[in-house]
Amino acid sequence: MAKTIHISLNCPISIGEALALHHALEWLNDMSFDNVDFTSNSKAIDDAFHHAHVDVTETGQIIPACRCLFTSRFTNSKVEFYRQLANEVDHTLAGVATLLANPTTYYNVPRCIEPLTINEVINEMI
């Protein structure tokens, strides 16, 4: 599954990445999903999520909320940095989201990322 949302604000990339993780956690929690692997293309967000340290930035305020939601609602799940899949797929979906007026949920692989996901599956098999 995939979901796109459009956030109408200009913000630093780190805040956008943190908000994306938080929205994903809320979305799957609302659907009572568990045993989920959350991937991020941001090494900084992944590091912040896994290493609690004092961060007084706006991003530093979002990550603890993500961590709290994750630890209280998701068991046998993980948040991990995954450069290859996340970069192209996330950026393509983000580009599509800017063209949509409303959030869109995809229950099948969206056509815009289908070739990318097929290539990733092939690359993982090699």
C-alpha atoms as a PDB file:
ATOM      1  CA  MET A   1       0.000   0.000   0.000  1.00  0.00           C
ATOM      2  CA  ALA A   2       1.047   3.574  -0.502  1.00  0.00           C
ATOM      3  CA  LYS A   3      -0.448   6.901   0.418  1.00  0.00           C
ATOM      4  CA  THR A   4       0.258  10.384  -0.797  1.00  0.00           C
ATOM      5  CA  ILE A   5      -0.592  13.556   1.071  1.00  0.00           C
ATOM      6  CA  HIS A   6       0.178  17.126   0.163  1.00  0.00           C
ATOM      7  CA  ILE A   7       1.446  19.362   2.935  1.00  0.00           C
ATOM      8  CA  SER A   8       1.030  22.999   1.917  1.00  0.00           C
ATOM      9  CA  LEU A   9       4.050  24.502   3.551  1.00  0.00           C
ATOM     10  CA  ASN A  10       7.638  25.147   2.758  1.00  0.00           C
ATOM     11  CA  CYS A  11       9.809  23.467   5.308  1.00  0.00           C
ATOM     12  CA  PRO A  12      13.293  22.032   5.558  1.00  0.00           C
ATOM     13  CA  ILE A  13      13.681  18.539   4.125  1.00  0.00           C
ATOM     14  CA  SER A  14      14.372  17.083   7.580  1.00  0.00           C
ATOM     15  CA  ILE A  15      10.987  18.295   8.850  1.00  0.00           C
ATOM     16  CA  GLY A  16       9.237  16.926   5.772  1.00  0.00           C
ATOM     17  CA  GLU A  17      10.930  13.553   6.259  1.00  0.00           C
ATOM     18  CA  ALA A  18       9.994  13.475   9.959  1.00  0.00           C
ATOM     19  CA  LEU A  19       6.387  14.431   9.155  1.00  0.00           C
ATOM     20  CA  ALA A  20       6.257  11.707   6.495  1.00  0.00           C
ATOM     21  CA  LEU A  21       7.287   9.091   9.058  1.00  0.00           C
ATOM     22  CA  HIS A  22       4.760  10.404  11.569  1.00  0.00           C
ATOM     23  CA  HIS A  23       1.931  10.365   9.007  1.00  0.00           C
ATOM     24  CA  ALA A  24       2.849   6.816   7.969  1.00  0.00           C
ATOM     25  CA  LEU A  25       2.810   5.661  11.588  1.00  0.00           C
ATOM     26  CA  GLU A  26      -0.567   7.320  12.214  1.00  0.00           C
ATOM     27  CA  TRP A  27      -2.058   5.945   8.987  1.00  0.00           C
ATOM     28  CA  LEU A  28      -1.091   2.345   9.640  1.00  0.00           C
ATOM     29  CA  ASN A  29      -1.989   2.634  13.317  1.00  0.00           C
ATOM     30  CA  ASP A  30      -5.464   3.909  12.352  1.00  0.00           C
ATOM     31  CA  MET A  31      -5.890   0.781  10.218  1.00  0.00           C
ATOM     32  CA  SER A  32      -4.666  -1.425  13.105  1.00  0.00           C
ATOM     33  CA  PHE A  33      -1.693  -2.695  11.122  1.00  0.00           C
ATOM     34  CA  ASP A  34       1.209  -4.314  12.899  1.00  0.00           C
ATOM     35  CA  ASN A  35       4.337  -6.175  11.880  1.00  0.00           C
ATOM     36  CA  VAL A  36       5.291  -3.350   9.508  1.00  0.00           C
ATOM     37  CA  ASP A  37       8.685  -2.404   8.118  1.00  0.00           C
ATOM     38  CA  PHE A  38       8.864   1.369   7.709  1.00  0.00           C
ATOM     39  CA  THR A  39      11.606   2.523   5.356  1.00  0.00           C
ATOM     40  CA  SER A  40      13.084   5.968   5.076  1.00  0.00           C
ATOM     41  CA  ASN A  41      15.480   7.449   2.576  1.00  0.00           C
ATOM     42  CA  SER A  42      16.789   9.801   5.239  1.00  0.00           C
ATOM     43  CA  LYS A  43      19.751   8.502   7.206  1.00  0.00           C
ATOM     44  CA  ALA A  44      19.440  11.498   9.540  1.00  0.00           C
ATOM     45  CA  ILE A  45      15.812  10.664  10.400  1.00  0.00           C
ATOM     46  CA  ASP A  46      16.675   6.989  10.880  1.00  0.00           C
ATOM     47  CA  ASP A  47      19.561   7.900  13.195  1.00  0.00           C
ATOM     48  CA  ALA A  48      17.417  10.356  15.159  1.00  0.00           C
ATOM     49  CA  PHE A  49      14.656   7.757  15.517  1.00  0.00           C
ATOM     50  CA  HIS A  50      17.005   5.073  16.863  1.00  0.00           C
ATOM     51  CA  HIS A  51      19.248   7.237  19.045  1.00  0.00           C
ATOM     52  CA  ALA A  52      17.441   9.353  21.585  1.00  0.00           C
ATOM     53  CA  HIS A  53      19.342  12.564  22.129  1.00  0.00           C
ATOM     54  CA  VAL A  54      18.346  16.100  22.934  1.00  0.00           C
ATOM     55  CA  ASP A  55      17.370  17.918  19.745  1.00  0.00           C
ATOM     56  CA  VAL A  56      15.698  21.284  20.187  1.00  0.00           C
ATOM     57  CA  THR A  57      14.952  21.742  16.487  1.00  0.00           C
ATOM     58  CA  GLU A  58      11.478  21.305  15.013  1.00  0.00           C
ATOM     59  CA  THR A  59      12.549  17.923  13.644  1.00  0.00           C
ATOM     60  CA  GLY A  60      13.664  17.009  17.138  1.00  0.00           C
ATOM     61  CA  GLN A  61      10.126  17.601  18.366  1.00  0.00           C
ATOM     62  CA  ILE A  62       8.525  15.339  15.736  1.00  0.00           C
ATOM     63  CA  ILE A  63      10.849  12.340  16.134  1.00  0.00           C
ATOM     64  CA  PRO A  64       9.983  11.640  19.806  1.00  0.00           C
ATOM     65  CA  ALA A  65       6.293  11.643  18.845  1.00  0.00           C
ATOM     66  CA  CYS A  66       7.108   9.106  16.116  1.00  0.00           C
ATOM     67  CA  ARG A  67       9.092   6.976  18.550  1.00  0.00           C
ATOM     68  CA  CYS A  68       6.284   7.075  21.132  1.00  0.00           C
ATOM     69  CA  LEU A  69       3.625   6.067  18.616  1.00  0.00           C
ATOM     70  CA  PHE A  70       5.858   3.341  17.212  1.00  0.00           C
ATOM     71  CA  THR A  71       6.769   1.770  20.560  1.00  0.00           C
ATOM     72  CA  SER A  72       3.212   1.902  21.895  1.00  0.00           C
ATOM     73  CA  ARG A  73       1.393   0.615  18.796  1.00  0.00           C
ATOM     74  CA  PHE A  74       3.733  -1.523  16.714  1.00  0.00           C
ATOM     75  CA  THR A  75       5.241  -4.840  17.751  1.00  0.00           C
ATOM     76  CA  ASN A  76       7.568  -6.905  15.631  1.00  0.00           C
ATOM     77  CA  SER A  77       8.028  -3.852  13.402  1.00  0.00           C
ATOM     78  CA  LYS A  78      11.010  -1.748  12.470  1.00  0.00           C
ATOM     79  CA  VAL A  79      12.030   1.603  11.084  1.00  0.00           C
ATOM     80  CA  GLU A  80      15.079   1.432   8.852  1.00  0.00           C
ATOM     81  CA  PHE A  81      17.116   3.412   6.381  1.00  0.00           C
ATOM     82  CA  TYR A  82      16.969   1.932   2.904  1.00  0.00           C
ATOM     83  CA  ARG A  83      18.623   4.119   0.327  1.00  0.00           C
ATOM     84  CA  GLN A  84      17.910   2.304  -2.935  1.00  0.00           C
ATOM     85  CA  LEU A  85      14.171   1.665  -2.803  1.00  0.00           C
ATOM     86  CA  ALA A  86      13.258   4.738  -0.830  1.00  0.00           C
ATOM     87  CA  ASN A  87      15.004   7.373  -2.933  1.00  0.00           C
ATOM     88  CA  GLU A  88      13.385   6.865  -6.325  1.00  0.00           C
ATOM     89  CA  VAL A  89      10.052   5.551  -5.096  1.00  0.00           C
ATOM     90  CA  ASP A  90       9.628   8.217  -2.406  1.00  0.00           C
ATOM     91  CA  HIS A  91      10.650  11.042  -4.710  1.00  0.00           C
ATOM     92  CA  THR A  92       8.313   9.839  -7.444  1.00  0.00           C
ATOM     93  CA  LEU A  93       5.380   9.567  -5.027  1.00  0.00           C
ATOM     94  CA  ALA A  94       6.248  12.971  -3.571  1.00  0.00           C
ATOM     95  CA  GLY A  95       6.159  14.457  -7.060  1.00  0.00           C
ATOM     96  CA  VAL A  96       2.742  12.918  -7.667  1.00  0.00           C
ATOM     97  CA  ALA A  97       1.475  14.187  -4.295  1.00  0.00           C
ATOM     98  CA  THR A  98       2.166  17.786  -5.278  1.00  0.00           C
ATOM     99  CA  LEU A  99      -0.257  17.369  -8.193  1.00  0.00           C
ATOM    100  CA  LEU A 100      -3.108  15.973  -6.094  1.00  0.00           C
ATOM    101  CA  ALA A 101      -5.615  18.069  -4.162  1.00  0.00           C
ATOM    102  CA  ASN A 102      -6.528  15.284  -1.713  1.00  0.00           C
ATOM    103  CA  PRO A 103      -4.716  12.429  -0.017  1.00  0.00           C
ATOM    104  CA  THR A 104      -4.689   9.326  -2.178  1.00  0.00           C
ATOM    105  CA  THR A 105      -4.359   5.760  -0.966  1.00  0.00           C
ATOM    106  CA  TYR A 106      -3.083   3.135  -3.363  1.00  0.00           C
ATOM    107  CA  TYR A 107      -4.041  -0.452  -2.631  1.00  0.00           C
ATOM    108  CA  ASN A 108      -2.029  -1.768  -5.562  1.00  0.00           C
ATOM    109  CA  VAL A 109       1.344  -0.587  -6.791  1.00  0.00           C
ATOM    110  CA  PRO A 110       0.730   2.838  -8.378  1.00  0.00           C
ATOM    111  CA  ARG A 111       1.587   2.994 -12.062  1.00  0.00           C
ATOM    112  CA  CYS A 112       3.996   5.850 -11.436  1.00  0.00           C
ATOM    113  CA  ILE A 113       6.274   3.604  -9.341  1.00  0.00           C
ATOM    114  CA  GLU A 114       5.575   0.177 -10.848  1.00  0.00           C
ATOM    115  CA  PRO A 115       8.755   0.059 -12.998  1.00  0.00           C
ATOM    116  CA  LEU A 116      10.835   1.261 -10.037  1.00  0.00           C
ATOM    117  CA  THR A 117       9.528  -1.429  -7.706  1.00  0.00           C
ATOM    118  CA  ILE A 118      10.016  -4.138 -10.341  1.00  0.00           C
ATOM    119  CA  ASN A 119      13.628  -3.007 -10.842  1.00  0.00           C
ATOM    120  CA  GLU A 120      14.227  -3.081  -7.090  1.00  0.00           C
ATOM    121  CA  VAL A 121      12.867  -6.625  -6.788  1.00  0.00           C
ATOM    122  CA  ILE A 122      15.150  -7.730  -9.634  1.00  0.00           C
ATOM    123  CA  ASN A 123      18.155  -5.974  -8.065  1.00  0.00           C
ATOM    124  CA  GLU A 124      17.501  -7.655  -4.711  1.00  0.00           C
ATOM    125  CA  MET A 125      17.469 -11.054  -6.405  1.00  0.00           C
ATOM    126  CA  ILE A 126      20.897 -10.457  -7.962  1.00  0.00           C
END
